[in-house]
Amino acid sequence: MIALKRVYEEPDPGDGLRILVDRLWPRGIKKDAAHLDRWVKDLAPSDDLRRWFAHDPEKWNEFKRRFREELADKGALLHELARQGETGRVTLLYAAKDEEHNNAVVLKELLEQEGHGG
């Protein structure tokens, strides 16, 4: 199962594998307090795309399209995480305040498609 959670929320043993999927380290969080298993910057939007999007919901559909394009060459990594999500819980951690319009949401959709042969 693939889950989403803000990195600022309290870690929980039920989170399973905790993976930060942001390119930048979240403000105000100490590395040991994040309780990460991995930090996968390669699955985060490029700096240019992140700056362009700026968490503007009006740009959401275009952001999703562009981000999926950026992830097109990350198939092996996506497949690995999707498989881990099939056998246990994987929690994708992100820093954005907007819980509906962020890179982790797009990544979760892709991983779920990958996990179902997509």
Protein backbone atom coordinates (compact mmCIF):
# COMPACT_ATOMS: atom_id res chain seq x y z
CA MET A 1 0.00 0.00 0.00
CA ILE A 2 1.21 3.46 -0.89
CA ALA A 3 0.31 6.20 1.57
CA LEU A 4 0.95 9.95 1.74
CA LYS A 5 1.89 11.99 4.78
CA ARG A 6 3.32 15.41 5.52
CA VAL A 7 6.81 15.06 6.91
CA TYR A 8 5.76 17.40 9.73
CA GLU A 9 3.23 14.88 11.05
CA GLU A 10 4.24 12.57 13.87
CA PRO A 11 5.97 9.38 12.67
CA ASP A 12 3.98 6.23 13.30
CA PRO A 13 5.15 2.58 13.29
CA GLY A 14 2.26 1.89 10.90
CA ASP A 15 3.89 4.16 8.29
CA GLY A 16 6.05 1.27 7.13
CA LEU A 17 8.84 2.38 4.81
CA ARG A 18 9.12 6.18 5.15
CA ILE A 19 10.46 7.88 2.02
CA LEU A 20 10.94 11.63 1.58
CA VAL A 21 10.19 12.53 -2.05
CA ASP A 22 11.08 16.24 -2.02
CA ARG A 23 14.23 17.67 -3.60
CA LEU A 24 14.79 20.14 -0.75
CA TRP A 25 15.09 19.23 2.91
CA PRO A 26 11.94 20.38 4.79
CA ARG A 27 12.35 23.53 6.85
CA GLY A 28 12.45 23.16 10.60
CA ILE A 29 12.89 19.37 10.65
CA LYS A 30 16.00 17.78 12.09
CA LYS A 31 17.19 14.77 10.11
CA ASP A 32 16.95 12.37 13.03
CA ALA A 33 13.45 13.61 13.92
CA ALA A 34 12.13 12.78 10.43
CA HIS A 35 12.59 9.04 10.98
CA LEU A 36 13.28 8.46 7.28
CA ASP A 37 14.19 5.18 5.71
CA ARG A 38 15.16 6.89 2.45
CA TRP A 39 15.34 10.30 0.83
CA VAL A 40 14.78 9.88 -2.91
CA LYS A 41 15.52 13.24 -4.51
CA ASP A 42 15.47 11.59 -7.96
CA LEU A 43 11.69 11.23 -7.69
CA ALA A 44 11.14 14.92 -6.95
CA PRO A 45 10.30 17.58 -9.54
CA SER A 46 13.21 19.46 -11.07
CA ASP A 47 14.00 22.83 -9.52
CA ASP A 48 12.64 24.57 -12.63
CA LEU A 49 9.33 22.68 -12.50
CA ARG A 50 9.00 23.17 -8.75
CA ARG A 51 9.54 26.93 -9.07
CA TRP A 52 7.16 27.20 -12.04
CA PHE A 53 4.38 25.32 -10.24
CA ALA A 54 4.80 27.14 -6.91
CA HIS A 55 1.87 25.05 -5.54
CA ASP A 56 -0.60 27.01 -7.66
CA PRO A 57 -3.75 24.84 -8.02
CA GLU A 58 -4.50 26.62 -11.33
CA LYS A 59 -1.35 24.98 -12.75
CA TRP A 60 -2.09 21.52 -11.30
CA ASN A 61 -3.02 19.66 -14.49
CA GLU A 62 -0.03 21.02 -16.39
CA PHE A 63 2.25 20.31 -13.42
CA LYS A 64 1.07 16.69 -13.36
CA ARG A 65 1.75 16.32 -17.10
CA ARG A 66 5.22 17.86 -16.89
CA PHE A 67 6.15 15.93 -13.75
CA ARG A 68 5.10 12.63 -15.33
CA GLU A 69 7.35 13.51 -18.28
CA GLU A 70 10.26 14.08 -15.90
CA LEU A 71 9.61 10.72 -14.25
CA ALA A 72 9.48 8.85 -17.58
CA ASP A 73 13.12 7.75 -17.31
CA LYS A 74 12.82 6.67 -13.66
CA GLY A 75 11.04 3.39 -14.45
CA ALA A 76 13.34 1.11 -12.45
CA LEU A 77 13.05 3.22 -9.31
CA LEU A 78 9.28 3.55 -9.69
CA HIS A 79 8.96 -0.20 -10.21
CA GLU A 80 11.05 -0.91 -7.09
CA LEU A 81 8.86 1.34 -4.92
CA ALA A 82 5.65 -0.03 -6.43
CA ARG A 83 6.78 -3.58 -5.57
CA GLN A 84 7.57 -2.52 -2.02
CA GLY A 85 4.08 -1.04 -1.81
CA GLU A 86 2.59 -4.36 -2.91
CA THR A 87 4.29 -6.28 -0.10
CA GLY A 88 4.08 -3.69 2.67
CA ARG A 89 3.21 -0.11 3.46
CA VAL A 90 5.25 2.66 1.83
CA THR A 91 4.60 6.20 3.07
CA LEU A 92 5.67 9.00 0.74
CA LEU A 93 6.61 12.04 2.79
CA TYR A 94 6.36 15.60 1.51
CA ALA A 95 6.59 19.08 3.00
CA ALA A 96 3.90 20.96 1.03
CA LYS A 97 0.99 22.44 2.96
CA ASP A 98 -1.42 21.64 0.12
CA GLU A 99 -2.24 17.97 0.61
CA GLU A 100 -4.07 17.64 -2.72
CA HIS A 101 -1.71 19.45 -5.11
CA ASN A 102 1.86 18.25 -4.59
CA ASN A 103 4.42 15.99 -6.20
CA ALA A 104 3.76 13.10 -3.79
CA VAL A 105 0.15 12.88 -5.02
CA VAL A 106 1.35 12.44 -8.62
CA LEU A 107 3.99 9.96 -7.53
CA LYS A 108 1.44 7.89 -5.60
CA GLU A 109 -0.79 7.72 -8.70
CA LEU A 110 2.14 6.53 -10.81
CA LEU A 111 3.23 3.94 -8.25
CA GLU A 112 -0.29 2.56 -7.98
CA GLN A 113 -0.48 2.28 -11.78
CA GLU A 114 2.94 0.61 -11.84
CA GLY A 115 1.88 -1.83 -9.13
CA HIS A 116 -1.13 -2.89 -11.19
CA GLY A 117 0.82 -3.56 -14.36
CA GLY A 118 0.37 -0.03 -15.65
